[in-house]
Amino acid sequence: MNVIKEWAKSAGGHAISLAYGGGFVFEKNHKPLLFIGGVHGDEPEGVELATRFLQYLEHSSEKTSPWILIPCLNPDGYMKVERTNGNGVDLNRNYPAKNWSPDCDAPRYFPGTKAASEPEIQALTALIEAERPRLILHFHSWKPCIVCSGEKGRLDAQRLARASNYEIVSDIGYPTPGSLSSFANKDHDIPVICIEEEAGVALAEVWPRFQPALIEILNDTSMRDK
């Protein structure tokens, strides 16, 4: 059974939905996969991928690993086609990671007045700490690549790389203090994969490119306790 519910509110007061399901979702000690779209509001490719993935999950009857999916973490920015949320904060710099910093190179990277100042990140970090997912995948767009943080995510990163023909890299190429990878992987040893789709690509191309790998990851129930 798949369940979709209003899970949190954005800084601007917009609803953030969360869906969950999977054949093992009610069995003890089986760690879920966590999928996140729409972290940056000016990256529609990530919302497209998450939304199409959810549509697939809604119609699938397979007994998969447990999963949690957030189609759009940043509805404020998505509605305005802006990177930041309703408070002008870059959500991927606002996590309460040990390396969080108040400094930024440009307003689009503003990390907030303090770590976890934003309701979106407060809700998400509470979810991560409660569920301890075996893998977190978040969907972005920039230069096409698969960013793998943590060796425990390497097999799944390779699956995504094979499907997309995108290169696997260990980081984005510049410091990202207060990011999801800093918080989840560096601080909590949860592997994080960032799918960076090509910015501006036709949206119809996004789901078919990653569909085989995402389904393979979802169906690999041997990994659910790792």
N, C-alpha and C. Protein backbone atom coordinates (compact mmCIF):
# COMPACT_ATOMS: atom_id res chain seq x y z
N MET A 1 0.85 -1.20 0.00
CA MET A 1 0.00 0.00 0.00
C MET A 1 0.88 1.24 0.00
N ASN A 2 0.58 2.17 -0.89
CA ASN A 2 1.28 3.44 -0.95
C ASN A 2 0.42 4.53 -0.32
N VAL A 3 1.03 5.41 0.45
CA VAL A 3 0.31 6.46 1.16
C VAL A 3 0.93 7.81 0.80
N ILE A 4 0.09 8.77 0.46
CA ILE A 4 0.53 10.14 0.19
C ILE A 4 -0.17 11.05 1.19
N LYS A 5 0.60 11.91 1.81
CA LYS A 5 0.00 12.79 2.81
C LYS A 5 0.70 14.14 2.81
N GLU A 6 0.00 15.14 3.36
CA GLU A 6 0.65 16.43 3.62
C GLU A 6 1.54 16.22 4.85
N TRP A 7 2.80 16.51 4.67
CA TRP A 7 3.80 16.13 5.67
C TRP A 7 4.35 17.34 6.43
N ALA A 8 4.55 18.45 5.74
CA ALA A 8 5.16 19.63 6.38
C ALA A 8 4.69 20.88 5.64
N LYS A 9 5.08 22.02 6.19
CA LYS A 9 4.79 23.31 5.56
C LYS A 9 6.10 24.01 5.23
N SER A 10 6.11 24.70 4.11
CA SER A 10 7.29 25.46 3.71
C SER A 10 7.36 26.77 4.48
N ALA A 11 8.45 27.48 4.31
CA ALA A 11 8.59 28.80 4.95
C ALA A 11 7.48 29.74 4.51
N GLY A 12 7.02 29.57 3.27
CA GLY A 12 5.94 30.41 2.74
C GLY A 12 4.56 29.89 3.02
N GLY A 13 4.47 28.80 3.79
CA GLY A 13 3.18 28.26 4.18
C GLY A 13 2.56 27.28 3.20
N HIS A 14 3.32 26.85 2.22
CA HIS A 14 2.79 25.89 1.25
C HIS A 14 2.97 24.46 1.75
N ALA A 15 2.04 23.62 1.38
CA ALA A 15 2.09 22.23 1.80
C ALA A 15 3.22 21.48 1.09
N ILE A 16 3.89 20.62 1.82
CA ILE A 16 4.91 19.71 1.27
C ILE A 16 4.38 18.30 1.47
N SER A 17 4.24 17.57 0.38
CA SER A 17 3.70 16.23 0.47
C SER A 17 4.81 15.20 0.59
N LEU A 18 4.47 14.07 1.16
CA LEU A 18 5.37 12.95 1.33
C LEU A 18 4.59 11.68 1.03
N ALA A 19 5.23 10.77 0.31
CA ALA A 19 4.61 9.49 0.01
C ALA A 19 5.51 8.38 0.54
N TYR A 20 4.91 7.26 0.91
CA TYR A 20 5.73 6.14 1.35
C TYR A 20 5.01 4.83 1.02
N GLY A 21 5.79 3.78 0.94
CA GLY A 21 5.23 2.49 0.61
C GLY A 21 6.33 1.45 0.51
N GLY A 22 6.03 0.37 -0.18
CA GLY A 22 6.98 -0.73 -0.32
C GLY A 22 6.50 -1.96 0.42
N GLY A 23 6.85 -3.11 -0.09
CA GLY A 23 6.35 -4.34 0.47
C GLY A 23 6.82 -4.63 1.88
N PHE A 24 7.92 -4.00 2.29
CA PHE A 24 8.46 -4.30 3.61
C PHE A 24 8.28 -3.13 4.58
N VAL A 25 7.42 -2.20 4.21
CA VAL A 25 7.38 -0.95 4.95
C VAL A 25 6.98 -1.14 6.41
N PHE A 26 6.23 -2.18 6.72
CA PHE A 26 5.79 -2.37 8.10
C PHE A 26 6.60 -3.43 8.84
N GLU A 27 7.65 -3.95 8.20
CA GLU A 27 8.48 -4.96 8.84
C GLU A 27 9.62 -4.30 9.60
N LYS A 28 9.94 -4.83 10.76
CA LYS A 28 10.92 -4.22 11.66
C LYS A 28 12.32 -4.26 11.07
N ASN A 29 13.06 -3.19 11.27
CA ASN A 29 14.50 -3.09 10.97
C ASN A 29 14.83 -3.04 9.48
N HIS A 30 13.85 -2.85 8.63
CA HIS A 30 14.14 -2.70 7.22
C HIS A 30 14.22 -1.20 6.89
N LYS A 31 15.40 -0.75 6.56
CA LYS A 31 15.63 0.67 6.35
C LYS A 31 15.07 1.11 5.00
N PRO A 32 14.39 2.25 4.95
CA PRO A 32 13.81 2.70 3.69
C PRO A 32 14.83 3.42 2.81
N LEU A 33 14.48 3.52 1.54
CA LEU A 33 15.15 4.43 0.62
C LEU A 33 14.43 5.76 0.70
N LEU A 34 15.17 6.85 0.66
CA LEU A 34 14.58 8.19 0.72
C LEU A 34 14.91 8.93 -0.57
N PHE A 35 13.88 9.36 -1.30
CA PHE A 35 14.03 10.09 -2.55
C PHE A 35 13.49 11.50 -2.36
N ILE A 36 14.24 12.51 -2.84
CA ILE A 36 13.85 13.91 -2.62
C ILE A 36 13.97 14.68 -3.92
N GLY A 37 12.91 15.34 -4.33
CA GLY A 37 12.92 16.22 -5.49
C GLY A 37 12.69 17.66 -5.08
N GLY A 38 13.01 18.58 -5.97
CA GLY A 38 12.65 19.98 -5.78
C GLY A 38 13.33 20.68 -4.63
N VAL A 39 14.59 20.34 -4.37
CA VAL A 39 15.34 21.05 -3.31
C VAL A 39 15.57 22.49 -3.73
N HIS A 40 15.93 22.68 -4.98
CA HIS A 40 16.13 24.01 -5.54
C HIS A 40 15.01 24.30 -6.54
N GLY A 41 14.31 25.40 -6.31
CA GLY A 41 13.11 25.69 -7.08
C GLY A 41 13.33 26.01 -8.54
N ASP A 42 14.55 26.32 -8.92
CA ASP A 42 14.82 26.62 -10.32
C ASP A 42 15.40 25.42 -11.06
N GLU A 43 15.18 24.22 -10.51
CA GLU A 43 15.66 22.99 -11.13
C GLU A 43 14.47 22.05 -11.36
N PRO A 44 13.64 22.35 -12.37
CA PRO A 44 12.41 21.57 -12.58
C PRO A 44 12.68 20.12 -12.95
N GLU A 45 13.87 19.83 -13.43
CA GLU A 45 14.20 18.46 -13.80
C GLU A 45 14.09 17.51 -12.60
N GLY A 46 14.48 18.01 -11.42
CA GLY A 46 14.41 17.20 -10.21
C GLY A 46 12.98 16.91 -9.79
N VAL A 47 12.11 17.89 -9.93
CA VAL A 47 10.69 17.68 -9.60
C VAL A 47 10.06 16.73 -10.62
N GLU A 48 10.43 16.89 -11.88
CA GLU A 48 9.92 16.00 -12.92
C GLU A 48 10.29 14.55 -12.63
N LEU A 49 11.55 14.32 -12.28
CA LEU A 49 12.00 12.96 -12.01
C LEU A 49 11.27 12.38 -10.80
N ALA A 50 11.15 13.14 -9.74
CA ALA A 50 10.47 12.66 -8.53
C ALA A 50 8.99 12.41 -8.79
N THR A 51 8.35 13.29 -9.53
CA THR A 51 6.92 13.16 -9.81
C THR A 51 6.63 11.94 -10.68
N ARG A 52 7.43 11.76 -11.72
CA ARG A 52 7.23 10.61 -12.59
C ARG A 52 7.54 9.30 -11.87
N PHE A 53 8.52 9.33 -11.01
CA PHE A 53 8.86 8.15 -10.20
C PHE A 53 7.69 7.79 -9.29
N LEU A 54 7.10 8.81 -8.67
CA LEU A 54 5.95 8.57 -7.79
C LEU A 54 4.78 8.00 -8.57
N GLN A 55 4.55 8.49 -9.77
CA GLN A 55 3.48 7.95 -10.61
C GLN A 55 3.71 6.46 -10.89
N TYR A 56 4.96 6.10 -11.15
CA TYR A 56 5.29 4.70 -11.35
C TYR A 56 4.99 3.89 -10.09
N LEU A 57 5.41 4.40 -8.94
CA LEU A 57 5.22 3.70 -7.68
C LEU A 57 3.74 3.52 -7.35
N GLU A 58 2.94 4.50 -7.70
CA GLU A 58 1.50 4.43 -7.41
C GLU A 58 0.82 3.28 -8.16
N HIS A 59 1.38 2.91 -9.31
CA HIS A 59 0.76 1.88 -10.13
C HIS A 59 1.51 0.55 -10.08
N SER A 60 2.53 0.46 -9.24
CA SER A 60 3.31 -0.75 -9.15
C SER A 60 2.77 -1.65 -8.03
N SER A 61 2.69 -2.93 -8.33
CA SER A 61 2.22 -3.90 -7.34
C SER A 61 3.36 -4.78 -6.83
N GLU A 62 4.60 -4.47 -7.23
CA GLU A 62 5.74 -5.29 -6.82
C GLU A 62 6.05 -5.07 -5.33
N LYS A 63 6.58 -6.13 -4.72
CA LYS A 63 6.99 -6.05 -3.33
C LYS A 63 8.43 -5.56 -3.28
N THR A 64 8.60 -4.29 -3.05
CA THR A 64 9.90 -3.65 -3.14
C THR A 64 10.46 -3.37 -1.74
N SER A 65 11.66 -2.82 -1.72
CA SER A 65 12.19 -2.26 -0.49
C SER A 65 11.29 -1.11 -0.03
N PRO A 66 11.22 -0.83 1.25
CA PRO A 66 10.44 0.31 1.70
C PRO A 66 11.03 1.60 1.16
N TRP A 67 10.18 2.55 0.89
CA TRP A 67 10.64 3.81 0.31
C TRP A 67 9.83 4.97 0.86
N ILE A 68 10.46 6.14 0.83
CA ILE A 68 9.83 7.42 1.17
C ILE A 68 10.20 8.38 0.04
N LEU A 69 9.23 9.14 -0.44
CA LEU A 69 9.50 10.06 -1.55
C LEU A 69 8.85 11.41 -1.28
N ILE A 70 9.65 12.46 -1.41
CA ILE A 70 9.19 13.84 -1.29
C ILE A 70 9.28 14.46 -2.68
N PRO A 71 8.17 14.69 -3.36
CA PRO A 71 8.24 15.19 -4.74
C PRO A 71 8.86 16.57 -4.88
N CYS A 72 8.56 17.46 -3.93
CA CYS A 72 9.10 18.83 -4.02
C CYS A 72 9.29 19.39 -2.62
N LEU A 73 10.54 19.43 -2.19
CA LEU A 73 10.85 19.93 -0.85
C LEU A 73 10.68 21.44 -0.76
N ASN A 74 10.82 22.14 -1.87
CA ASN A 74 10.85 23.60 -1.87
C ASN A 74 9.75 24.17 -2.77
N PRO A 75 8.48 24.03 -2.37
CA PRO A 75 7.41 24.57 -3.21
C PRO A 75 7.47 26.08 -3.36
N ASP A 76 8.00 26.80 -2.36
CA ASP A 76 8.12 28.26 -2.47
C ASP A 76 8.96 28.63 -3.68
N GLY A 77 10.16 28.05 -3.76
CA GLY A 77 11.06 28.36 -4.85
C GLY A 77 10.55 27.83 -6.18
N TYR A 78 9.93 26.65 -6.15
CA TYR A 78 9.45 26.03 -7.38
C TYR A 78 8.36 26.89 -8.03
N MET A 79 7.48 27.45 -7.22
CA MET A 79 6.41 28.28 -7.76
C MET A 79 6.94 29.58 -8.34
N LYS A 80 8.08 30.05 -7.82
CA LYS A 80 8.66 31.31 -8.30
C LYS A 80 9.84 31.10 -9.26
N VAL A 81 10.19 29.85 -9.50
CA VAL A 81 11.35 29.48 -10.32
C VAL A 81 12.61 30.15 -9.74
N GLU A 82 12.78 29.98 -8.43
CA GLU A 82 13.93 30.52 -7.72
C GLU A 82 14.61 29.41 -6.94
N ARG A 83 15.90 29.49 -6.80
CA ARG A 83 16.67 28.46 -6.10
C ARG A 83 16.26 28.35 -4.63
N THR A 84 16.08 29.48 -3.98
CA THR A 84 15.89 29.52 -2.53
C THR A 84 14.42 29.37 -2.14
N ASN A 85 14.21 29.19 -0.84
CA ASN A 85 12.84 29.05 -0.33
C ASN A 85 12.22 30.43 -0.07
N GLY A 86 11.08 30.43 0.61
CA GLY A 86 10.36 31.68 0.84
C GLY A 86 11.10 32.68 1.71
N ASN A 87 12.11 32.23 2.45
CA ASN A 87 12.94 33.12 3.26
C ASN A 87 14.26 33.46 2.57
N GLY A 88 14.39 33.08 1.31
CA GLY A 88 15.61 33.38 0.58
C GLY A 88 16.79 32.50 0.98
N VAL A 89 16.51 31.30 1.52
CA VAL A 89 17.56 30.41 2.01
C VAL A 89 17.76 29.26 1.03
N ASP A 90 19.02 28.95 0.75
CA ASP A 90 19.37 27.77 -0.02
C ASP A 90 19.23 26.57 0.91
N LEU A 91 18.23 25.73 0.66
CA LEU A 91 17.96 24.62 1.57
C LEU A 91 19.12 23.63 1.63
N ASN A 92 19.90 23.54 0.56
CA ASN A 92 21.02 22.60 0.58
C ASN A 92 22.29 23.21 1.18
N ARG A 93 22.12 24.28 1.93
CA ARG A 93 23.20 24.83 2.76
C ARG A 93 22.73 25.04 4.19
N ASN A 94 21.51 24.59 4.50
CA ASN A 94 20.89 24.89 5.79
C ASN A 94 20.84 23.71 6.75
N TYR A 95 21.36 22.56 6.35
CA TYR A 95 21.33 21.39 7.24
C TYR A 95 22.22 21.61 8.47
N PRO A 96 21.85 21.02 9.60
CA PRO A 96 22.65 21.19 10.81
C PRO A 96 23.88 20.28 10.81
N ALA A 97 24.67 20.39 9.76
CA ALA A 97 25.91 19.62 9.64
C ALA A 97 27.00 20.28 10.48
N LYS A 98 27.98 19.49 10.84
CA LYS A 98 29.09 20.02 11.63
C LYS A 98 29.84 21.11 10.89
N ASN A 99 29.79 21.07 9.55
CA ASN A 99 30.53 22.07 8.76
C ASN A 99 29.66 23.24 8.32
N TRP A 100 28.42 23.35 8.88
CA TRP A 100 27.57 24.49 8.50
C TRP A 100 28.31 25.79 8.71
N SER A 101 28.14 26.73 7.78
CA SER A 101 28.81 28.02 7.87
C SER A 101 27.83 29.13 7.50
N PRO A 102 27.92 30.29 8.15
CA PRO A 102 27.04 31.41 7.79
C PRO A 102 27.53 32.15 6.55
N ASP A 103 28.71 31.79 6.06
CA ASP A 103 29.28 32.49 4.91
C ASP A 103 28.73 31.93 3.60
N CYS A 104 28.66 32.78 2.59
CA CYS A 104 28.27 32.32 1.25
C CYS A 104 28.85 33.27 0.21
N ASP A 105 29.01 32.74 -1.00
CA ASP A 105 29.62 33.51 -2.08
C ASP A 105 28.63 34.40 -2.82
N ALA A 106 27.35 34.09 -2.72
CA ALA A 106 26.31 34.84 -3.44
C ALA A 106 24.98 34.64 -2.74
N PRO A 107 24.02 35.56 -2.91
CA PRO A 107 22.72 35.43 -2.24
C PRO A 107 22.01 34.12 -2.53
N ARG A 108 22.22 33.54 -3.70
CA ARG A 108 21.54 32.30 -4.04
C ARG A 108 22.00 31.12 -3.18
N TYR A 109 23.14 31.28 -2.50
CA TYR A 109 23.65 30.24 -1.62
C TYR A 109 23.47 30.59 -0.15
N PHE A 110 22.66 31.59 0.16
CA PHE A 110 22.48 32.03 1.54
C PHE A 110 22.07 30.85 2.42
N PRO A 111 22.86 30.52 3.47
CA PRO A 111 22.60 29.31 4.27
C PRO A 111 21.62 29.50 5.41
N GLY A 112 21.07 30.70 5.54
CA GLY A 112 20.17 30.98 6.66
C GLY A 112 20.90 31.66 7.80
N THR A 113 20.15 32.14 8.75
CA THR A 113 20.74 32.84 9.90
C THR A 113 21.39 31.89 10.89
N LYS A 114 20.98 30.62 10.83
CA LYS A 114 21.59 29.57 11.64
C LYS A 114 21.28 28.23 11.01
N ALA A 115 22.00 27.20 11.40
CA ALA A 115 21.75 25.86 10.86
C ALA A 115 20.34 25.41 11.21
N ALA A 116 19.69 24.77 10.24
CA ALA A 116 18.32 24.25 10.42
C ALA A 116 17.33 25.34 10.83
N SER A 117 17.53 26.54 10.30
CA SER A 117 16.60 27.63 10.60
C SER A 117 15.29 27.46 9.84
N GLU A 118 15.28 26.66 8.77
CA GLU A 118 14.12 26.60 7.88
C GLU A 118 13.21 25.40 8.19
N PRO A 119 11.90 25.59 8.12
CA PRO A 119 10.97 24.51 8.46
C PRO A 119 11.11 23.28 7.57
N GLU A 120 11.49 23.49 6.32
CA GLU A 120 11.68 22.36 5.41
C GLU A 120 12.81 21.46 5.90
N ILE A 121 13.89 22.06 6.33
CA ILE A 121 15.06 21.30 6.79
C ILE A 121 14.81 20.71 8.19
N GLN A 122 14.10 21.43 9.02
CA GLN A 122 13.75 20.88 10.33
C GLN A 122 12.94 19.59 10.17
N ALA A 123 11.97 19.62 9.26
CA ALA A 123 11.14 18.44 9.04
C ALA A 123 11.96 17.30 8.43
N LEU A 124 12.82 17.63 7.47
CA LEU A 124 13.58 16.59 6.79
C LEU A 124 14.63 15.96 7.69
N THR A 125 15.32 16.77 8.47
CA THR A 125 16.34 16.18 9.36
C THR A 125 15.68 15.32 10.44
N ALA A 126 14.51 15.71 10.91
CA ALA A 126 13.79 14.87 11.88
C ALA A 126 13.40 13.54 11.25
N LEU A 127 12.99 13.58 9.98
CA LEU A 127 12.64 12.36 9.27
C LEU A 127 13.86 11.45 9.10
N ILE A 128 14.98 12.02 8.71
CA ILE A 128 16.20 11.24 8.51
C ILE A 128 16.65 10.60 9.82
N GLU A 129 16.62 11.37 10.89
CA GLU A 129 17.07 10.84 12.18
C GLU A 129 16.12 9.76 12.70
N ALA A 130 14.85 9.86 12.39
CA ALA A 130 13.88 8.87 12.85
C ALA A 130 13.93 7.59 12.02
N GLU A 131 14.08 7.73 10.70
CA GLU A 131 13.99 6.57 9.81
C GLU A 131 15.34 5.94 9.49
N ARG A 132 16.42 6.69 9.61
CA ARG A 132 17.77 6.19 9.30
C ARG A 132 17.77 5.44 7.96
N PRO A 133 17.43 6.11 6.85
CA PRO A 133 17.36 5.43 5.56
C PRO A 133 18.69 4.79 5.18
N ARG A 134 18.63 3.72 4.41
CA ARG A 134 19.86 3.05 3.99
C ARG A 134 20.55 3.84 2.89
N LEU A 135 19.78 4.68 2.16
CA LEU A 135 20.31 5.49 1.07
C LEU A 135 19.39 6.67 0.84
N ILE A 136 19.98 7.84 0.60
CA ILE A 136 19.22 9.04 0.25
C ILE A 136 19.60 9.44 -1.16
N LEU A 137 18.62 9.65 -2.02
CA LEU A 137 18.85 10.15 -3.38
C LEU A 137 18.09 11.46 -3.54
N HIS A 138 18.80 12.51 -3.92
CA HIS A 138 18.10 13.76 -4.22
C HIS A 138 18.38 14.17 -5.65
N PHE A 139 17.37 14.79 -6.27
CA PHE A 139 17.35 15.02 -7.70
C PHE A 139 17.53 16.50 -8.01
N HIS A 140 18.60 16.81 -8.74
CA HIS A 140 18.94 18.19 -9.08
C HIS A 140 19.20 18.31 -10.58
N SER A 141 19.62 19.50 -11.01
CA SER A 141 20.08 19.69 -12.39
C SER A 141 21.15 20.77 -12.41
N TRP A 142 22.17 20.51 -13.19
CA TRP A 142 23.31 21.42 -13.36
C TRP A 142 24.14 20.87 -14.51
N LYS A 143 25.33 20.34 -14.21
CA LYS A 143 26.11 19.62 -15.18
C LYS A 143 25.85 18.13 -14.96
N PRO A 144 25.56 17.38 -16.01
CA PRO A 144 25.17 15.98 -15.80
C PRO A 144 26.26 15.14 -15.14
N CYS A 145 25.92 14.55 -14.00
CA CYS A 145 26.83 13.66 -13.27
C CYS A 145 26.05 12.98 -12.15
N ILE A 146 26.67 11.97 -11.57
CA ILE A 146 26.12 11.27 -10.41
C ILE A 146 27.09 11.50 -9.26
N VAL A 147 26.68 12.26 -8.27
CA VAL A 147 27.55 12.60 -7.14
C VAL A 147 27.30 11.58 -6.04
N CYS A 148 28.31 10.78 -5.74
CA CYS A 148 28.18 9.72 -4.73
C CYS A 148 28.96 10.09 -3.49
N SER A 149 28.26 10.27 -2.38
CA SER A 149 28.88 10.57 -1.09
C SER A 149 28.75 9.35 -0.19
N GLY A 150 29.85 8.67 0.03
CA GLY A 150 29.85 7.47 0.86
C GLY A 150 29.97 6.21 0.03
N GLU A 151 30.93 5.38 0.36
CA GLU A 151 31.19 4.16 -0.42
C GLU A 151 30.02 3.18 -0.37
N LYS A 152 29.20 3.25 0.66
CA LYS A 152 28.06 2.34 0.75
C LYS A 152 27.02 2.61 -0.35
N GLY A 153 27.12 3.75 -0.99
CA GLY A 153 26.21 4.07 -2.09
C GLY A 153 26.80 3.81 -3.46
N ARG A 154 28.01 3.26 -3.52
CA ARG A 154 28.73 3.11 -4.79
C ARG A 154 27.98 2.21 -5.77
N LEU A 155 27.46 1.06 -5.32
CA LEU A 155 26.76 0.15 -6.22
C LEU A 155 25.57 0.83 -6.87
N ASP A 156 24.80 1.57 -6.09
CA ASP A 156 23.63 2.25 -6.64
C ASP A 156 24.04 3.40 -7.55
N ALA A 157 25.14 4.08 -7.24
CA ALA A 157 25.64 5.12 -8.12
C ALA A 157 26.06 4.52 -9.46
N GLN A 158 26.66 3.35 -9.44
CA GLN A 158 27.05 2.68 -10.68
C GLN A 158 25.84 2.31 -11.52
N ARG A 159 24.77 1.90 -10.86
CA ARG A 159 23.54 1.61 -11.60
C ARG A 159 23.02 2.85 -12.31
N LEU A 160 23.02 3.97 -11.62
CA LEU A 160 22.56 5.22 -12.21
C LEU A 160 23.48 5.69 -13.33
N ALA A 161 24.77 5.50 -13.15
CA ALA A 161 25.74 5.90 -14.17
C ALA A 161 25.57 5.06 -15.44
N ARG A 162 25.35 3.76 -15.28
CA ARG A 162 25.14 2.90 -16.45
C ARG A 162 23.89 3.29 -17.22
N ALA A 163 22.83 3.60 -16.48
CA ALA A 163 21.57 3.94 -17.14
C ALA A 163 21.65 5.27 -17.88
N SER A 164 22.35 6.22 -17.30
CA SER A 164 22.38 7.59 -17.84
C SER A 164 23.60 7.88 -18.69
N ASN A 165 24.64 7.06 -18.53
CA ASN A 165 25.95 7.33 -19.14
C ASN A 165 26.56 8.61 -18.59
N TYR A 166 26.22 8.93 -17.35
CA TYR A 166 26.80 10.09 -16.67
C TYR A 166 27.95 9.63 -15.77
N GLU A 167 28.92 10.49 -15.60
CA GLU A 167 30.10 10.18 -14.79
C GLU A 167 29.77 10.18 -13.30
N ILE A 168 30.39 9.28 -12.55
CA ILE A 168 30.31 9.30 -11.09
C ILE A 168 31.42 10.19 -10.54
N VAL A 169 31.07 11.12 -9.67
CA VAL A 169 32.06 11.98 -9.02
C VAL A 169 31.82 11.92 -7.51
N SER A 170 32.84 12.26 -6.77
CA SER A 170 32.73 12.19 -5.30
C SER A 170 32.21 13.49 -4.69
N ASP A 171 32.27 14.57 -5.43
CA ASP A 171 31.71 15.84 -4.95
C ASP A 171 31.42 16.72 -6.15
N ILE A 172 30.79 17.84 -5.90
CA ILE A 172 30.33 18.72 -6.97
C ILE A 172 31.44 19.60 -7.53
N GLY A 173 32.58 19.60 -6.85
CA GLY A 173 33.72 20.36 -7.35
C GLY A 173 34.01 21.64 -6.59
N TYR A 174 33.18 21.94 -5.60
CA TYR A 174 33.42 23.11 -4.76
C TYR A 174 32.79 22.84 -3.39
N PRO A 175 33.20 23.57 -2.34
CA PRO A 175 32.70 23.30 -0.99
C PRO A 175 31.19 23.53 -0.87
N THR A 176 30.52 22.67 -0.13
CA THR A 176 29.08 22.80 0.10
C THR A 176 28.77 22.61 1.59
N PRO A 177 29.25 23.51 2.44
CA PRO A 177 28.97 23.37 3.88
C PRO A 177 27.47 23.43 4.16
N GLY A 178 27.02 22.63 5.11
CA GLY A 178 25.61 22.63 5.46
C GLY A 178 24.74 21.91 4.45
N SER A 179 25.34 21.07 3.61
CA SER A 179 24.58 20.36 2.58
C SER A 179 24.03 19.04 3.12
N LEU A 180 23.16 18.42 2.34
CA LEU A 180 22.61 17.12 2.72
C LEU A 180 23.71 16.07 2.83
N SER A 181 24.65 16.08 1.90
CA SER A 181 25.74 15.10 1.97
C SER A 181 26.59 15.30 3.20
N SER A 182 26.81 16.55 3.60
CA SER A 182 27.57 16.82 4.82
C SER A 182 26.84 16.29 6.04
N PHE A 183 25.55 16.57 6.12
CA PHE A 183 24.77 16.17 7.29
C PHE A 183 24.57 14.66 7.34
N ALA A 184 24.06 14.08 6.25
CA ALA A 184 23.68 12.67 6.28
C ALA A 184 24.88 11.75 6.16
N ASN A 185 25.79 12.03 5.22
CA ASN A 185 26.90 11.11 5.01
C ASN A 185 28.06 11.37 5.95
N LYS A 186 28.58 12.59 5.95
CA LYS A 186 29.76 12.86 6.77
C LYS A 186 29.47 12.77 8.26
N ASP A 187 28.29 13.23 8.67
CA ASP A 187 27.98 13.25 10.11
C ASP A 187 27.27 12.00 10.59
N HIS A 188 26.49 11.33 9.71
CA HIS A 188 25.66 10.20 10.16
C HIS A 188 25.91 8.91 9.38
N ASP A 189 26.87 8.91 8.49
CA ASP A 189 27.28 7.70 7.76
C ASP A 189 26.13 7.10 6.95
N ILE A 190 25.25 7.93 6.43
CA ILE A 190 24.19 7.48 5.53
C ILE A 190 24.62 7.87 4.11
N PRO A 191 24.74 6.92 3.19
CA PRO A 191 25.17 7.27 1.84
C PRO A 191 24.16 8.19 1.15
N VAL A 192 24.67 9.13 0.40
CA VAL A 192 23.84 10.10 -0.31
C VAL A 192 24.26 10.13 -1.77
N ILE A 193 23.30 10.05 -2.67
CA ILE A 193 23.56 10.20 -4.09
C ILE A 193 22.77 11.39 -4.60
N CYS A 194 23.46 12.27 -5.28
CA CYS A 194 22.83 13.41 -5.93
C CYS A 194 22.83 13.17 -7.44
N ILE A 195 21.66 13.06 -8.03
CA ILE A 195 21.55 12.98 -9.48
C ILE A 195 21.53 14.40 -10.02
N GLU A 196 22.54 14.74 -10.78
CA GLU A 196 22.59 16.04 -11.45
C GLU A 196 22.23 15.82 -12.92
N GLU A 197 20.99 16.11 -13.26
CA GLU A 197 20.56 16.04 -14.65
C GLU A 197 21.08 17.28 -15.39
N GLU A 198 21.12 17.19 -16.69
CA GLU A 198 21.55 18.35 -17.49
C GLU A 198 20.52 19.46 -17.37
N ALA A 199 20.93 20.64 -16.93
CA ALA A 199 20.00 21.76 -16.79
C ALA A 199 19.44 22.15 -18.15
N GLY A 200 18.13 22.32 -18.20
CA GLY A 200 17.49 22.75 -19.43
C GLY A 200 17.14 21.64 -20.39
N VAL A 201 17.42 20.39 -20.05
CA VAL A 201 17.08 19.27 -20.93
C VAL A 201 15.56 19.15 -21.03
N ALA A 202 15.08 18.60 -22.14
CA ALA A 202 13.64 18.39 -22.29
C ALA A 202 13.14 17.50 -21.16
N LEU A 203 12.12 17.93 -20.47
CA LEU A 203 11.65 17.19 -19.29
C LEU A 203 11.20 15.77 -19.64
N ALA A 204 10.73 15.58 -20.85
CA ALA A 204 10.29 14.26 -21.26
C ALA A 204 11.43 13.24 -21.29
N GLU A 205 12.66 13.71 -21.31
CA GLU A 205 13.81 12.81 -21.37
C GLU A 205 14.26 12.33 -19.99
N VAL A 206 13.84 13.00 -18.93
CA VAL A 206 14.43 12.77 -17.62
C VAL A 206 14.07 11.40 -17.04
N TRP A 207 12.78 11.10 -16.93
CA TRP A 207 12.37 9.83 -16.33
C TRP A 207 12.87 8.62 -17.12
N PRO A 208 12.72 8.58 -18.44
CA PRO A 208 13.23 7.41 -19.17
C PRO A 208 14.73 7.17 -18.97
N ARG A 209 15.49 8.22 -18.77
CA ARG A 209 16.94 8.07 -18.59
C ARG A 209 17.27 7.32 -17.29
N PHE A 210 16.56 7.64 -16.24
CA PHE A 210 16.88 7.08 -14.93
C PHE A 210 15.95 5.97 -14.48
N GLN A 211 14.86 5.75 -15.19
CA GLN A 211 13.88 4.75 -14.79
C GLN A 211 14.48 3.38 -14.53
N PRO A 212 15.29 2.82 -15.43
CA PRO A 212 15.78 1.45 -15.19
C PRO A 212 16.60 1.34 -13.90
N ALA A 213 17.45 2.32 -13.65
CA ALA A 213 18.31 2.25 -12.46
C ALA A 213 17.51 2.46 -11.19
N LEU A 214 16.57 3.39 -11.19
CA LEU A 214 15.77 3.64 -9.98
C LEU A 214 14.93 2.42 -9.64
N ILE A 215 14.38 1.76 -10.64
CA ILE A 215 13.60 0.56 -10.38
C ILE A 215 14.50 -0.56 -9.88
N GLU A 216 15.70 -0.68 -10.43
CA GLU A 216 16.64 -1.69 -9.97
C GLU A 216 17.03 -1.46 -8.51
N ILE A 217 17.27 -0.20 -8.16
CA ILE A 217 17.60 0.14 -6.77
C ILE A 217 16.43 -0.21 -5.85
N LEU A 218 15.24 0.13 -6.29
CA LEU A 218 14.04 -0.10 -5.49
C LEU A 218 13.78 -1.59 -5.29
N ASN A 219 14.04 -2.38 -6.32
CA ASN A 219 13.71 -3.80 -6.27
C ASN A 219 14.81 -4.66 -5.62
N ASP A 220 15.94 -4.07 -5.32
CA ASP A 220 17.03 -4.83 -4.71
C ASP A 220 16.78 -4.94 -3.21
N THR A 221 15.93 -5.87 -2.84
CA THR A 221 15.57 -6.00 -1.43
C THR A 221 16.69 -6.59 -0.59
N SER A 222 17.74 -7.11 -1.25
CA SER A 222 18.89 -7.64 -0.49
C SER A 222 19.63 -6.54 0.24
N MET A 223 19.41 -5.28 -0.18
CA MET A 223 20.13 -4.15 0.41
C MET A 223 19.35 -3.47 1.52
N ARG A 224 18.14 -3.93 1.80
CA ARG A 224 17.26 -3.13 2.66
C ARG A 224 17.71 -3.04 4.11
N ASP A 225 18.57 -3.95 4.56
CA ASP A 225 19.02 -3.93 5.95
C ASP A 225 20.42 -3.36 6.11
N LYS A 226 21.04 -2.92 4.99
CA LYS A 226 22.44 -2.49 5.03
C LYS A 226 22.58 -1.14 5.71
